[in-house]
Amino acid sequence: MCAYSITAISPGRLGKRAELVSVAVDPAFLGKGAASALMDSTLRRLRRRGITRLGLMVKMTNHRARAFYEKYGFRRLRRIARYYEDGADGLSLAKDL
């Protein structure tokens, strides 16, 4: 399996927080549980480090990714107009750990 996730951890006033900066799965493994295994591992490792909240940004038009994050309990915080280089809007999501 070829997949990765990158998170950035920072202390905050309300506890340690992290941001999911980048995540990718080899197209050959899409729909085969690779993304779920990666997310499960990422969440487990963050909890062990005492992280209390994980945030991320996703394109409004990326319905597959949005459904995936919603399945994991991420909630919508706000829409950010023209967040991406191509002018697409971003959607800020977060999950309390």
Protein backbone atom coordinates (compact mmCIF):
# COMPACT_ATOMS: atom_id res chain seq x y z
CA MET A 1 0.00 0.00 0.00
CA CYS A 2 1.27 3.45 -0.83
CA ALA A 3 -0.31 6.19 1.27
CA TYR A 4 0.73 9.01 3.56
CA SER A 5 -0.63 11.68 5.85
CA ILE A 6 1.10 14.77 7.16
CA THR A 7 -0.07 16.51 10.32
CA ALA A 8 1.20 19.64 12.00
CA ILE A 9 0.90 19.80 15.79
CA SER A 10 0.74 23.05 17.75
CA PRO A 11 -0.07 23.90 21.34
CA GLY A 12 -3.12 26.09 21.74
CA ARG A 13 -4.89 27.95 24.51
CA LEU A 14 -7.57 25.26 24.62
CA GLY A 15 -5.29 22.23 24.36
CA LYS A 16 -2.93 20.68 21.87
CA ARG A 17 -4.25 20.81 18.34
CA ALA A 18 -3.23 19.38 15.01
CA GLU A 19 -3.97 20.08 11.38
CA LEU A 20 -4.13 17.41 8.71
CA VAL A 21 -1.99 19.17 6.12
CA SER A 22 -1.89 16.53 3.40
CA VAL A 23 -3.20 13.02 2.81
CA ALA A 24 -2.91 10.81 -0.25
CA VAL A 25 -3.59 7.24 -1.28
CA ASP A 26 -2.26 5.54 -4.40
CA PRO A 27 -5.17 5.37 -6.90
CA ALA A 28 -4.67 1.59 -7.14
CA PHE A 29 -5.77 1.34 -3.50
CA LEU A 30 -8.81 3.64 -3.60
CA GLY A 31 -11.93 1.94 -2.27
CA LYS A 32 -9.92 -0.84 -0.60
CA GLY A 33 -9.74 0.53 2.94
CA ALA A 34 -6.34 2.20 2.66
CA ALA A 35 -7.66 5.66 3.54
CA SER A 36 -9.58 4.29 6.52
CA ALA A 37 -6.51 2.44 7.81
CA LEU A 38 -4.45 5.59 7.42
CA MET A 39 -7.03 7.77 9.19
CA ASP A 40 -7.45 5.25 12.03
CA SER A 41 -3.69 5.18 12.55
CA THR A 42 -3.38 8.98 12.38
CA LEU A 43 -6.18 9.53 14.92
CA ARG A 44 -4.75 6.89 17.26
CA ARG A 45 -1.27 8.43 17.17
CA LEU A 46 -2.61 11.96 17.74
CA ARG A 47 -4.68 10.84 20.73
CA ARG A 48 -1.59 9.17 22.23
CA ARG A 49 0.22 12.50 21.96
CA GLY A 50 -2.57 14.27 23.82
CA ILE A 51 -4.02 16.11 20.84
CA THR A 52 -7.52 17.37 21.60
CA ARG A 53 -8.62 18.59 18.16
CA LEU A 54 -7.80 17.84 14.52
CA GLY A 55 -8.62 20.31 11.76
CA LEU A 56 -8.33 20.19 8.00
CA MET A 57 -9.25 21.98 4.80
CA VAL A 58 -10.97 20.27 1.87
CA LYS A 59 -12.20 21.55 -1.50
CA MET A 60 -15.94 22.19 -1.56
CA THR A 61 -16.11 20.20 -4.81
CA ASN A 62 -14.31 17.13 -3.41
CA HIS A 63 -17.44 15.22 -2.45
CA ARG A 64 -15.66 11.89 -1.97
CA ALA A 65 -13.23 13.36 0.56
CA ARG A 66 -15.98 15.32 2.32
CA ALA A 67 -18.07 12.17 2.74
CA PHE A 68 -15.02 10.32 4.07
CA TYR A 69 -14.29 13.01 6.68
CA GLU A 70 -17.97 13.22 7.70
CA LYS A 71 -17.92 9.45 8.28
CA TYR A 72 -15.12 10.08 10.78
CA GLY A 73 -17.11 12.73 12.61
CA PHE A 74 -15.49 15.87 11.25
CA ARG A 75 -17.86 18.81 11.39
CA ARG A 76 -18.08 21.85 9.17
CA LEU A 77 -16.68 25.06 10.63
CA ARG A 78 -16.76 27.50 7.73
CA ARG A 79 -16.45 27.98 3.99
CA ILE A 80 -13.48 29.99 2.77
CA ALA A 81 -13.95 31.63 -0.61
CA ARG A 82 -11.19 31.13 -3.21
CA TYR A 83 -8.94 29.25 -0.75
CA TYR A 84 -7.22 27.11 -3.40
CA GLU A 85 -4.89 28.30 -6.16
CA ASP A 86 -7.43 27.39 -8.84
CA GLY A 87 -9.99 29.68 -7.17
CA ALA A 88 -12.03 26.86 -5.63
CA ASP A 89 -13.61 27.40 -2.24
CA GLY A 90 -12.32 25.50 0.77
CA LEU A 91 -14.28 23.99 3.61
CA SER A 92 -12.74 24.04 7.07
CA LEU A 93 -13.55 20.90 9.10
CA ALA A 94 -12.65 19.83 12.63
CA LYS A 95 -12.96 16.85 14.94
CA ASP A 96 -12.58 16.77 18.70
CA LEU A 97 -10.40 13.88 19.82
